Amino acid sequence: MKESILITGCSSGIGYFCAKELHKMGYNVYSTARRDEDVQRLKKEGLRSFKLDVTKQEDIENAVNFIASDNGGKLDILFNNAGFGQPGALEDLSKDALREQFETNVFGNFALTKAVLKLLRNSSNAKIVQNSSVLGFVSMPYRGAYNASKYALEGLSDTLRLELEPFSIDVVLIEPGPIRSDFRKNAYIKFKKYITVKGSFYENSYAQSIARFQSTKDDPFTLGSDAVCRVLLKIINSKNPKARYRVTFPTTLFWFLKRVLSTKMLDRILRNA
């Protein structure tokens, strides 16, 4: 059998697509989701699945114990894919909103990564793959909570890469731009939970945001989840993967623009992006 891989956030989008594709290719895939109904659906589709909410330490410990007993104490790849985006101007976000964003995208990611290290150390091809974002290195208005969480993820991953290099465990960041998924729908749920539109200084801008949340039209240069899956496979099969892989044209463009433009010029572009 090919390598074993634990994937978080498999209920839809990137995680769901990658879990199905890798399973079909013969990989030993542990596809996880935080809701029981999604776990049952994944099982009915033939995937090996169990409940894993990365914000719950008990779920993390159960996942590690299950994989250890099921796979001889070893895991080859961790794909930290679970996450969501909290929209809203920073001025309108509560500490609770920011805390919830970090609990999943940063603290939960970090807790799971720490817990599976003992399994990864028993692999000869150990890799930690982090699903970051173009917003992990450039910032956009009304995305501050998500920006901050992905910036934090990138910083932690860079440090972890340096610390784990002597132990032959690769740490790799995937930085997607717009990918077709439920990301926008889930962001709208969080928007309605935490943002009071009426009376906000950003009320007019929020009207545009809401229209975008409700639209079924793709953003420019949107790709399918297969674009991320192809990069994930490249990382898995590489003996010396790069530290970062940029997916979609906007990610590559903004990486270049950040290197060559002044901050003021780049800000002007990002405000209107």
Protein backbone atom coordinates (compact mmCIF):
# COMPACT_ATOMS: atom_id res chain seq x y z
CA MET A 1 0.00 0.00 0.00
CA LYS A 2 1.12 3.56 -0.67
CA GLU A 3 1.76 6.16 2.03
CA SER A 4 -0.71 6.87 4.83
CA ILE A 5 -2.15 10.38 4.99
CA LEU A 6 -4.37 12.16 7.51
CA ILE A 7 -6.53 14.89 5.97
CA THR A 8 -8.60 17.33 8.02
CA GLY A 9 -11.69 19.18 6.81
CA CYS A 10 -12.95 16.51 4.39
CA SER A 11 -16.64 17.39 4.47
CA SER A 12 -16.36 19.42 1.25
CA GLY A 13 -14.03 21.31 -1.07
CA ILE A 14 -10.31 20.64 -1.16
CA GLY A 15 -10.25 18.08 1.65
CA TYR A 16 -13.12 16.06 0.20
CA PHE A 17 -11.66 16.02 -3.31
CA CYS A 18 -8.14 15.10 -2.16
CA ALA A 19 -9.41 12.34 0.12
CA LYS A 20 -11.41 10.73 -2.70
CA GLU A 21 -8.64 11.02 -5.29
CA LEU A 22 -5.86 9.71 -3.06
CA HIS A 23 -8.08 6.85 -1.89
CA LYS A 24 -8.71 5.86 -5.52
CA MET A 25 -4.96 5.91 -6.13
CA GLY A 26 -4.34 3.41 -3.35
CA TYR A 27 -3.15 5.70 -0.56
CA ASN A 28 -4.15 4.83 3.00
CA VAL A 29 -6.32 7.90 3.57
CA TYR A 30 -7.74 8.92 6.93
CA SER A 31 -10.45 11.39 5.91
CA THR A 32 -11.80 13.37 8.84
CA ALA A 33 -14.60 15.84 9.48
CA ARG A 34 -15.92 17.60 12.57
CA ARG A 35 -19.59 16.62 12.16
CA ASP A 36 -20.87 13.08 12.66
CA GLU A 37 -23.21 13.30 9.65
CA ASP A 38 -20.28 14.13 7.36
CA VAL A 39 -18.25 11.23 8.76
CA GLN A 40 -21.11 8.83 8.04
CA ARG A 41 -21.48 10.20 4.50
CA LEU A 42 -17.75 9.73 3.85
CA LYS A 43 -17.93 6.16 5.14
CA LYS A 44 -20.86 5.39 2.83
CA GLU A 45 -18.71 6.59 -0.07
CA GLY A 46 -16.07 4.03 0.85
CA LEU A 47 -13.62 6.33 2.63
CA ARG A 48 -11.99 5.55 5.95
CA SER A 49 -13.33 8.32 8.11
CA PHE A 50 -13.67 9.39 11.73
CA LYS A 51 -14.66 12.51 13.63
CA LEU A 52 -11.93 15.09 14.16
CA ASP A 53 -12.65 18.62 15.29
CA VAL A 54 -9.20 20.17 15.57
CA THR A 55 -10.42 22.54 18.30
CA LYS A 56 -11.14 19.58 20.61
CA GLN A 57 -8.17 17.91 22.29
CA GLU A 58 -10.15 14.73 22.90
CA ASP A 59 -10.78 14.34 19.16
CA ILE A 60 -7.10 14.87 18.45
CA GLU A 61 -6.02 12.25 20.98
CA ASN A 62 -8.59 9.77 19.66
CA ALA A 63 -7.34 10.32 16.09
CA VAL A 64 -3.70 9.76 17.04
CA ASN A 65 -4.53 6.63 19.04
CA PHE A 66 -6.63 5.20 16.21
CA ILE A 67 -3.95 5.75 13.55
CA ALA A 68 -1.24 4.38 15.86
CA SER A 69 -3.13 1.13 16.41
CA ASP A 70 -4.36 0.88 12.82
CA ASN A 71 -1.09 1.63 11.04
CA GLY A 72 1.65 0.25 13.25
CA GLY A 73 2.36 3.51 15.06
CA LYS A 74 3.21 5.36 11.85
CA LEU A 75 1.83 8.19 9.73
CA ASP A 76 3.52 9.41 6.56
CA ILE A 77 1.72 12.66 5.72
CA LEU A 78 -0.42 15.15 7.61
CA PHE A 79 -2.48 17.49 5.40
CA ASN A 80 -3.76 20.29 7.62
CA ASN A 81 -6.66 21.45 5.47
CA ALA A 82 -9.39 22.35 7.99
CA GLY A 83 -10.15 26.03 8.27
CA PHE A 84 -12.57 28.85 7.51
CA GLY A 85 -12.57 32.57 6.81
CA GLN A 86 -14.14 35.15 9.15
CA PRO A 87 -15.07 38.22 7.09
CA GLY A 88 -15.64 41.72 8.41
CA ALA A 89 -13.79 44.95 9.07
CA LEU A 90 -11.46 44.63 12.04
CA GLU A 91 -13.27 47.51 13.73
CA ASP A 92 -16.47 45.44 13.74
CA LEU A 93 -14.94 42.15 14.95
CA SER A 94 -15.19 41.07 18.56
CA LYS A 95 -12.45 39.28 20.44
CA ASP A 96 -14.66 36.19 20.36
CA ALA A 97 -14.76 36.30 16.55
CA LEU A 98 -10.99 36.62 16.32
CA ARG A 99 -10.53 33.90 18.92
CA GLU A 100 -12.78 31.48 17.03
CA GLN A 101 -10.85 32.15 13.83
CA PHE A 102 -7.55 31.36 15.52
CA GLU A 103 -8.90 28.32 17.40
CA THR A 104 -9.41 26.45 14.12
CA ASN A 105 -6.90 27.95 11.70
CA VAL A 106 -3.95 28.24 14.10
CA PHE A 107 -4.35 26.65 17.54
CA GLY A 108 -6.20 23.55 16.36
CA ASN A 109 -3.76 23.11 13.48
CA PHE A 110 -0.83 23.48 15.89
CA ALA A 111 -2.28 21.04 18.47
CA LEU A 112 -2.90 18.33 15.87
CA THR A 113 0.53 18.79 14.32
CA LYS A 114 2.24 18.42 17.69
CA ALA A 115 0.20 15.32 18.50
CA VAL A 116 1.02 13.44 15.29
CA LEU A 117 4.74 14.16 15.34
CA LYS A 118 5.38 10.93 17.23
CA LEU A 119 3.72 9.03 14.36
CA LEU A 120 5.53 11.00 11.65
CA ARG A 121 8.90 10.28 13.24
CA ASN A 122 8.36 6.58 12.43
CA SER A 123 8.04 7.30 8.70
CA SER A 124 10.83 7.48 6.14
CA ASN A 125 8.80 9.92 4.02
CA ALA A 126 7.27 12.19 6.67
CA LYS A 127 5.64 15.41 5.52
CA ILE A 128 3.46 18.07 7.11
CA VAL A 129 1.49 19.94 4.44
CA GLN A 130 -0.23 23.14 5.48
CA ASN A 131 -3.10 24.56 3.45
CA SER A 132 -2.44 28.29 3.71
CA SER A 133 -3.62 31.01 1.30
CA VAL A 134 -2.59 33.92 -0.88
CA LEU A 135 -3.84 35.88 2.16
CA GLY A 136 -1.02 34.32 4.15
CA PHE A 137 1.41 36.81 2.60
CA VAL A 138 -0.72 39.72 1.31
CA SER A 139 -3.63 41.39 3.09
CA MET A 140 -7.04 42.48 1.85
CA PRO A 141 -9.63 44.70 3.53
CA TYR A 142 -12.46 42.96 5.42
CA ARG A 143 -10.34 39.81 5.66
CA GLY A 144 -8.29 40.80 8.70
CA ALA A 145 -9.10 37.84 10.95
CA TYR A 146 -8.41 35.34 8.18
CA ASN A 147 -5.29 37.23 7.08
CA ALA A 148 -3.92 37.20 10.63
CA SER A 149 -4.60 33.47 11.07
CA LYS A 150 -2.84 32.56 7.83
CA TYR A 151 0.10 34.88 8.53
CA ALA A 152 0.43 33.12 11.90
CA LEU A 153 0.22 29.71 10.22
CA GLU A 154 2.99 30.67 7.80
CA GLY A 155 5.23 31.87 10.63
CA LEU A 156 4.70 28.72 12.66
CA SER A 157 5.29 26.55 9.59
CA ASP A 158 8.54 28.32 8.70
CA THR A 159 9.83 27.80 12.23
CA LEU A 160 8.66 24.18 12.33
CA ARG A 161 10.44 23.52 9.02
CA LEU A 162 13.72 24.70 10.55
CA GLU A 163 13.25 22.70 13.73
CA LEU A 164 12.21 19.44 12.04
CA GLU A 165 14.76 19.46 9.20
CA PRO A 166 17.33 17.51 11.27
CA PHE A 167 14.71 14.77 11.73
CA SER A 168 13.93 14.53 7.98
CA ILE A 169 10.34 15.76 8.37
CA ASP A 170 9.39 18.18 5.60
CA VAL A 171 7.06 21.09 6.32
CA VAL A 172 5.41 22.48 3.19
CA LEU A 173 2.94 25.31 2.60
CA ILE A 174 0.34 25.29 -0.17
CA GLU A 175 -0.89 28.82 -0.93
CA PRO A 176 -4.10 28.71 -2.98
CA GLY A 177 -5.95 31.66 -4.40
CA PRO A 178 -9.63 31.30 -5.36
CA ILE A 179 -10.67 27.64 -5.33
CA ARG A 180 -14.20 26.40 -6.02
CA SER A 181 -15.55 25.18 -2.65
CA ASP A 182 -17.97 25.99 0.20
CA PHE A 183 -15.54 28.59 1.55
CA ARG A 184 -17.73 31.54 0.55
CA LYS A 185 -20.90 29.94 1.93
CA ASN A 186 -19.23 29.17 5.25
CA ALA A 187 -17.77 32.68 5.42
CA TYR A 188 -21.26 34.14 5.06
CA ILE A 189 -22.44 32.07 8.04
CA LYS A 190 -19.62 33.51 10.16
CA PHE A 191 -20.33 37.01 8.81
CA LYS A 192 -23.95 36.83 9.97
CA LYS A 193 -22.88 35.42 13.33
CA TYR A 194 -20.48 38.19 14.27
CA ILE A 195 -21.06 41.28 12.11
CA THR A 196 -23.78 43.88 12.74
CA VAL A 197 -24.20 45.60 9.41
CA LYS A 198 -26.72 48.29 10.33
CA GLY A 199 -24.98 51.33 11.76
CA SER A 200 -21.49 50.15 10.83
CA PHE A 201 -19.13 52.64 9.20
CA TYR A 202 -18.66 49.92 6.56
CA GLU A 203 -22.35 49.35 5.86
CA ASN A 204 -22.11 50.26 2.16
CA SER A 205 -19.09 48.01 1.63
CA TYR A 206 -20.86 45.15 3.41
CA ALA A 207 -23.69 45.34 0.90
CA GLN A 208 -21.18 44.44 -1.80
CA SER A 209 -19.73 41.67 0.37
CA ILE A 210 -23.15 40.14 0.97
CA ALA A 211 -23.91 40.17 -2.76
CA ARG A 212 -20.66 38.33 -3.36
CA PHE A 213 -21.40 35.77 -0.61
CA GLN A 214 -24.77 35.03 -2.18
CA SER A 215 -23.50 34.89 -5.75
CA THR A 216 -22.96 31.55 -7.47
CA LYS A 217 -20.55 33.13 -9.95
CA ASP A 218 -16.88 32.24 -9.59
CA ASP A 219 -14.30 34.90 -8.88
CA PRO A 220 -11.86 35.54 -11.75
CA PHE A 221 -9.19 32.85 -12.14
CA THR A 222 -11.03 30.40 -9.86
CA LEU A 223 -9.82 26.81 -10.17
CA GLY A 224 -11.27 23.51 -8.99
CA SER A 225 -10.00 21.52 -6.02
CA ASP A 226 -8.09 19.31 -8.45
CA ALA A 227 -5.52 22.10 -8.79
CA VAL A 228 -4.61 21.76 -5.11
CA CYS A 229 -4.73 17.96 -5.28
CA ARG A 230 -2.17 17.92 -8.09
CA VAL A 231 0.20 20.00 -5.97
CA LEU A 232 -0.40 17.77 -2.94
CA LEU A 233 0.54 14.72 -5.01
CA LYS A 234 3.66 16.48 -6.25
CA ILE A 235 4.67 17.15 -2.65
CA ILE A 236 3.97 13.57 -1.56
CA ASN A 237 6.08 12.18 -4.40
CA SER A 238 8.95 14.63 -4.00
CA LYS A 239 12.09 13.64 -2.11
CA ASN A 240 12.94 17.32 -1.65
CA PRO A 241 9.75 19.42 -1.79
CA LYS A 242 9.84 23.19 -1.90
CA ALA A 243 8.85 25.21 1.16
CA ARG A 244 5.93 26.83 -0.71
CA TYR A 245 3.69 25.99 -3.66
CA ARG A 246 1.51 28.75 -5.08
CA VAL A 247 -1.80 27.71 -6.70
CA THR A 248 -3.86 29.93 -9.09
CA PHE A 249 -2.75 32.95 -11.08
CA PRO A 250 -3.65 35.57 -8.40
CA THR A 251 -1.32 33.90 -5.88
CA THR A 252 1.59 33.94 -8.30
CA LEU A 253 0.80 37.52 -9.35
CA PHE A 254 0.61 38.91 -5.83
CA TRP A 255 3.77 37.06 -4.80
CA PHE A 256 5.55 38.87 -7.65
CA LEU A 257 3.92 42.24 -6.98
CA LYS A 258 4.85 42.12 -3.30
CA ARG A 259 8.48 41.70 -4.30
CA VAL A 260 8.62 44.52 -6.84
CA LEU A 261 6.09 47.19 -5.79
CA SER A 262 6.20 49.70 -2.98
CA THR A 263 3.82 49.12 -0.10
CA LYS A 264 1.68 52.09 -1.18
CA MET A 265 1.33 50.82 -4.71
CA LEU A 266 0.49 47.30 -3.57
CA ASP A 267 -2.04 48.66 -1.05
CA ARG A 268 -3.80 50.53 -3.84
CA ILE A 269 -4.18 47.32 -5.84
CA LEU A 270 -5.30 45.23 -2.85
CA ARG A 271 -7.94 47.75 -1.81
CA ASN A 272 -9.59 47.32 -5.20
CA ALA A 273 -8.96 43.61 -5.72
